[in-house]
C-alpha atoms as a PDB file:
ATOM      1  CA  ASN A   1       0.000   0.000   0.000  1.00  0.00           C
ATOM      2  CA  SER A   2       1.522   3.316  -1.094  1.00  0.00           C
ATOM      3  CA  ASN A   3      -0.821   5.066   1.347  1.00  0.00           C
ATOM      4  CA  THR A   4       0.624   3.212   4.355  1.00  0.00           C
ATOM      5  CA  LEU A   5       2.325   5.564   6.788  1.00  0.00           C
ATOM      6  CA  ILE A   6       5.894   4.417   7.304  1.00  0.00           C
ATOM      7  CA  ILE A   7       7.183   5.363  10.743  1.00  0.00           C
ATOM      8  CA  ASP A   8      10.944   5.110  11.055  1.00  0.00           C
ATOM      9  CA  GLU A   9      12.840   5.673  14.282  1.00  0.00           C
ATOM     10  CA  GLY A  10      13.443   9.377  13.594  1.00  0.00           C
ATOM     11  CA  ASN A  11       9.795  10.140  12.822  1.00  0.00           C
ATOM     12  CA  LEU A  12       8.690   8.182  15.891  1.00  0.00           C
ATOM     13  CA  ILE A  13      11.011  10.209  18.127  1.00  0.00           C
ATOM     14  CA  CYS A  14       9.725  13.467  16.619  1.00  0.00           C
ATOM     15  CA  LEU A  15       6.142  12.325  17.181  1.00  0.00           C
ATOM     16  CA  ILE A  16       6.872  11.404  20.796  1.00  0.00           C
ATOM     17  CA  ASN A  17       8.623  14.738  21.372  1.00  0.00           C
ATOM     18  CA  TYR A  18       5.638  16.571  19.886  1.00  0.00           C
ATOM     19  CA  ILE A  19       3.115  14.711  22.055  1.00  0.00           C
ATOM     20  CA  TYR A  20       5.377  15.154  25.078  1.00  0.00           C
ATOM     21  CA  SER A  21       5.639  18.898  24.436  1.00  0.00           C
ATOM     22  CA  LEU A  22       1.835  19.156  24.337  1.00  0.00           C
ATOM     23  CA  PHE A  23       1.674  17.162  27.570  1.00  0.00           C
ATOM     24  CA  VAL A  24       4.272  19.431  29.175  1.00  0.00           C
ATOM     25  CA  VAL A  25       2.372  22.616  28.320  1.00  0.00           C
ATOM     26  CA  GLN A  26      -0.790  21.294  29.976  1.00  0.00           C
ATOM     27  CA  ASN A  27       0.874  19.653  32.965  1.00  0.00           C
ATOM     28  CA  LEU A  28       3.696  21.896  34.161  1.00  0.00           C
ATOM     29  CA  LYS A  29       3.208  20.802  37.770  1.00  0.00           C
ATOM     30  CA  VAL A  30       3.622  17.146  36.814  1.00  0.00           C
ATOM     31  CA  VAL A  31       6.798  17.968  34.892  1.00  0.00           C
ATOM     32  CA  GLN A  32       8.178  19.924  37.836  1.00  0.00           C
ATOM     33  CA  LEU A  33       7.579  16.928  40.107  1.00  0.00           C
ATOM     34  CA  MET A  34       9.296  14.669  37.565  1.00  0.00           C
ATOM     35  CA  GLU A  35      12.273  17.047  37.387  1.00  0.00           C
ATOM     36  CA  GLN A  36      12.507  17.158  41.191  1.00  0.00           C
ATOM     37  CA  PHE A  37      12.444  13.357  41.277  1.00  0.00           C
ATOM     38  CA  THR A  38      15.171  13.217  38.622  1.00  0.00           C
ATOM     39  CA  CYS A  39      17.268  15.706  40.568  1.00  0.00           C
ATOM     40  CA  LYS A  40      16.924  13.557  43.690  1.00  0.00           C
ATOM     41  CA  ILE A  41      18.161  10.538  41.747  1.00  0.00           C
ATOM     42  CA  ARG A  42      21.115  12.574  40.401  1.00  0.00           C
ATOM     43  CA  SER A  43      21.943  13.899  43.852  1.00  0.00           C
ATOM     44  CA  LYS A  44      21.948  10.330  45.206  1.00  0.00           C
ATOM     45  CA  ASN A  45      24.333   9.284  42.432  1.00  0.00           C
ATOM     46  CA  THR A  46      26.686  12.212  43.062  1.00  0.00           C
ATOM     47  CA  THR A  47      26.600  11.566  46.809  1.00  0.00           C
ATOM     48  CA  THR A  48      27.577   7.943  46.205  1.00  0.00           C
ATOM     49  CA  GLU A  49      30.446   9.042  43.971  1.00  0.00           C
ATOM     50  CA  GLU A  50      31.651  11.520  46.615  1.00  0.00           C
ATOM     51  CA  ASN A  51      31.560   8.807  49.275  1.00  0.00           C
ATOM     52  CA  ASN A  52      33.633   6.559  47.035  1.00  0.00           C
ATOM     53  CA  LYS A  53      36.173   9.345  46.519  1.00  0.00           C
ATOM     54  CA  VAL A  54      36.456   9.888  50.297  1.00  0.00           C
ATOM     55  CA  GLU A  55      37.158   6.201  50.823  1.00  0.00           C
END
């Protein structure tokens, strides 16, 4: 079928980014919570690295 929509990896990523951007605009609070959670994970990782350096 020539009418079949072919979705390659690049187009799929663009589509996800587009949907995600729409989601972000409507749910800033949710995104902020996600970012805070991510920062907590990063801070835990950096703390672990610092502890390893001290030892």
